[in-house]
């Protein structure tokens, strides 16, 4: 989760490459639409067939995120939180 980004023109290529190699984020939660992030996601999807959902979160939603919390975001945009517990993932 990031509230803002100070990026450069290289951000889309770097993001697309990490997604191609399987070491990029499973999804991105961001505080505002960012053209560099969106471009990286679209490039990775079109060139490599990878998916990386992006969720635009307002200030109240970003405040609800906490370190170690697992988050599930449905295709409809419904956000559910679960505190990280010792042991297996809470969302298998």
C-alpha atoms as a PDB file:
ATOM      1  CA  UNK A   1       0.000   0.000   0.000  1.00  0.00           C
ATOM      2  CA  UNK A   2       1.379   3.346  -0.983  1.00  0.00           C
ATOM      3  CA  UNK A   3      -0.224   6.736  -0.545  1.00  0.00           C
ATOM      4  CA  UNK A   4       1.869   8.431  -3.223  1.00  0.00           C
ATOM      5  CA  UNK A   5       4.741   7.686  -5.550  1.00  0.00           C
ATOM      6  CA  UNK A   6       7.718   9.680  -6.692  1.00  0.00           C
ATOM      7  CA  UNK A   7       8.521   7.832  -9.834  1.00  0.00           C
ATOM      8  CA  UNK A   8      10.303   8.258 -13.063  1.00  0.00           C
ATOM      9  CA  UNK A   9       9.684   7.174 -16.609  1.00  0.00           C
ATOM     10  CA  UNK A  10      11.401   3.866 -15.800  1.00  0.00           C
ATOM     11  CA  UNK A  11       8.710   2.798 -13.341  1.00  0.00           C
ATOM     12  CA  UNK A  12       6.423   1.117 -15.919  1.00  0.00           C
ATOM     13  CA  UNK A  13       9.238  -0.998 -17.343  1.00  0.00           C
ATOM     14  CA  UNK A  14      10.542  -2.019 -13.937  1.00  0.00           C
ATOM     15  CA  UNK A  15       7.085  -2.974 -12.690  1.00  0.00           C
ATOM     16  CA  UNK A  16       6.301  -4.913 -15.884  1.00  0.00           C
ATOM     17  CA  UNK A  17       9.604  -6.792 -15.621  1.00  0.00           C
ATOM     18  CA  UNK A  18       9.033  -7.812 -11.988  1.00  0.00           C
ATOM     19  CA  UNK A  19       5.555  -9.044 -12.901  1.00  0.00           C
ATOM     20  CA  UNK A  20       6.975 -10.984 -15.865  1.00  0.00           C
ATOM     21  CA  UNK A  21       9.531 -12.680 -13.624  1.00  0.00           C
ATOM     22  CA  UNK A  22       6.939 -13.554 -10.992  1.00  0.00           C
ATOM     23  CA  UNK A  23       8.526 -11.449  -8.257  1.00  0.00           C
ATOM     24  CA  UNK A  24       6.278  -8.386  -8.513  1.00  0.00           C
ATOM     25  CA  UNK A  25       3.404  -7.474  -6.243  1.00  0.00           C
ATOM     26  CA  UNK A  26       0.256  -9.596  -6.128  1.00  0.00           C
ATOM     27  CA  UNK A  27      -1.686  -6.336  -6.224  1.00  0.00           C
ATOM     28  CA  UNK A  28      -1.212  -2.651  -5.579  1.00  0.00           C
ATOM     29  CA  UNK A  29      -3.199  -0.444  -3.220  1.00  0.00           C
ATOM     30  CA  UNK A  30      -2.567   3.216  -3.959  1.00  0.00           C
ATOM     31  CA  UNK A  31      -3.977   6.547  -2.845  1.00  0.00           C
ATOM     32  CA  UNK A  32      -4.438   8.100  -6.275  1.00  0.00           C
ATOM     33  CA  UNK A  33      -4.349   7.067  -9.942  1.00  0.00           C
ATOM     34  CA  UNK A  34      -0.752   6.951 -11.153  1.00  0.00           C
ATOM     35  CA  UNK A  35      -0.044   6.766 -14.879  1.00  0.00           C
ATOM     36  CA  UNK A  36       3.327   5.041 -14.398  1.00  0.00           C
ATOM     37  CA  UNK A  37       1.878   2.233 -12.289  1.00  0.00           C
ATOM     38  CA  UNK A  38      -1.088   1.775 -14.628  1.00  0.00           C
ATOM     39  CA  UNK A  39       1.220   1.674 -17.656  1.00  0.00           C
ATOM     40  CA  UNK A  40       3.398  -0.995 -16.017  1.00  0.00           C
ATOM     41  CA  UNK A  41       0.358  -3.114 -15.199  1.00  0.00           C
ATOM     42  CA  UNK A  42      -1.073  -2.813 -18.714  1.00  0.00           C
ATOM     43  CA  UNK A  43       2.282  -3.548 -20.385  1.00  0.00           C
ATOM     44  CA  UNK A  44       2.785  -6.666 -18.244  1.00  0.00           C
ATOM     45  CA  UNK A  45      -0.734  -7.862 -18.977  1.00  0.00           C
ATOM     46  CA  UNK A  46      -0.503  -7.339 -22.727  1.00  0.00           C
ATOM     47  CA  UNK A  47       3.064  -8.532 -23.273  1.00  0.00           C
ATOM     48  CA  UNK A  48       3.368 -11.273 -20.663  1.00  0.00           C
ATOM     49  CA  UNK A  49      -0.193 -12.233 -19.744  1.00  0.00           C
ATOM     50  CA  UNK A  50       0.310 -11.386 -16.070  1.00  0.00           C
ATOM     51  CA  UNK A  51      -2.309  -9.819 -13.828  1.00  0.00           C
ATOM     52  CA  UNK A  52      -1.756  -7.262 -11.092  1.00  0.00           C
ATOM     53  CA  UNK A  53      -4.916  -5.655  -9.734  1.00  0.00           C
ATOM     54  CA  UNK A  54      -4.755  -2.064  -8.547  1.00  0.00           C
ATOM     55  CA  UNK A  55      -7.127  -0.660  -5.941  1.00  0.00           C
ATOM     56  CA  UNK A  56      -7.568   3.079  -5.381  1.00  0.00           C
ATOM     57  CA  UNK A  57      -8.023   3.624  -1.651  1.00  0.00           C
ATOM     58  CA  UNK A  58      -9.194   6.868  -0.076  1.00  0.00           C
ATOM     59  CA  UNK A  59      -7.568   8.240   3.092  1.00  0.00           C
ATOM     60  CA  UNK A  60      -9.998   6.423   5.394  1.00  0.00           C
ATOM     61  CA  UNK A  61      -9.397   3.097   3.654  1.00  0.00           C
ATOM     62  CA  UNK A  62      -5.612   3.593   3.739  1.00  0.00           C
ATOM     63  CA  UNK A  63      -5.800   4.332   7.472  1.00  0.00           C
ATOM     64  CA  UNK A  64      -7.509   0.950   7.980  1.00  0.00           C
ATOM     65  CA  UNK A  65      -4.465  -0.885   6.636  1.00  0.00           C
ATOM     66  CA  UNK A  66      -2.006  -2.044   9.271  1.00  0.00           C
ATOM     67  CA  UNK A  67       1.350  -3.719   9.118  1.00  0.00           C
ATOM     68  CA  UNK A  68       0.987  -7.459   8.768  1.00  0.00           C
ATOM     69  CA  UNK A  69      -2.694  -7.391   7.875  1.00  0.00           C
ATOM     70  CA  UNK A  70      -3.866  -9.531   5.002  1.00  0.00           C
ATOM     71  CA  UNK A  71      -6.304  -7.895   2.664  1.00  0.00           C
ATOM     72  CA  UNK A  72      -8.685  -9.373   0.134  1.00  0.00           C
ATOM     73  CA  UNK A  73     -10.185  -7.137  -2.523  1.00  0.00           C
ATOM     74  CA  UNK A  74     -13.022  -8.614  -4.566  1.00  0.00           C
ATOM     75  CA  UNK A  75     -13.594  -7.825  -8.226  1.00  0.00           C
ATOM     76  CA  UNK A  76     -16.476  -5.637  -7.087  1.00  0.00           C
ATOM     77  CA  UNK A  77     -14.083  -3.631  -4.888  1.00  0.00           C
ATOM     78  CA  UNK A  78     -15.208  -5.026  -1.521  1.00  0.00           C
ATOM     79  CA  UNK A  79     -12.309  -4.875   0.939  1.00  0.00           C
ATOM     80  CA  UNK A  80     -11.963  -7.327   3.822  1.00  0.00           C
ATOM     81  CA  UNK A  81      -9.165  -7.270   6.383  1.00  0.00           C
ATOM     82  CA  UNK A  82      -7.773 -10.053   8.547  1.00  0.00           C
ATOM     83  CA  UNK A  83      -5.022  -9.684  11.107  1.00  0.00           C
ATOM     84  CA  UNK A  84      -1.948 -11.774  10.380  1.00  0.00           C
ATOM     85  CA  UNK A  85      -1.805 -14.751  12.710  1.00  0.00           C
ATOM     86  CA  UNK A  86       0.958 -17.201  13.400  1.00  0.00           C
ATOM     87  CA  UNK A  87       0.585 -20.165  11.127  1.00  0.00           C
ATOM     88  CA  UNK A  88      -0.938 -20.541   7.681  1.00  0.00           C
ATOM     89  CA  UNK A  89      -2.326 -17.718   5.578  1.00  0.00           C
ATOM     90  CA  UNK A  90      -5.799 -16.603   6.547  1.00  0.00           C
ATOM     91  CA  UNK A  91      -6.873 -16.469   2.895  1.00  0.00           C
ATOM     92  CA  UNK A  92      -5.762 -19.773   1.337  1.00  0.00           C
END
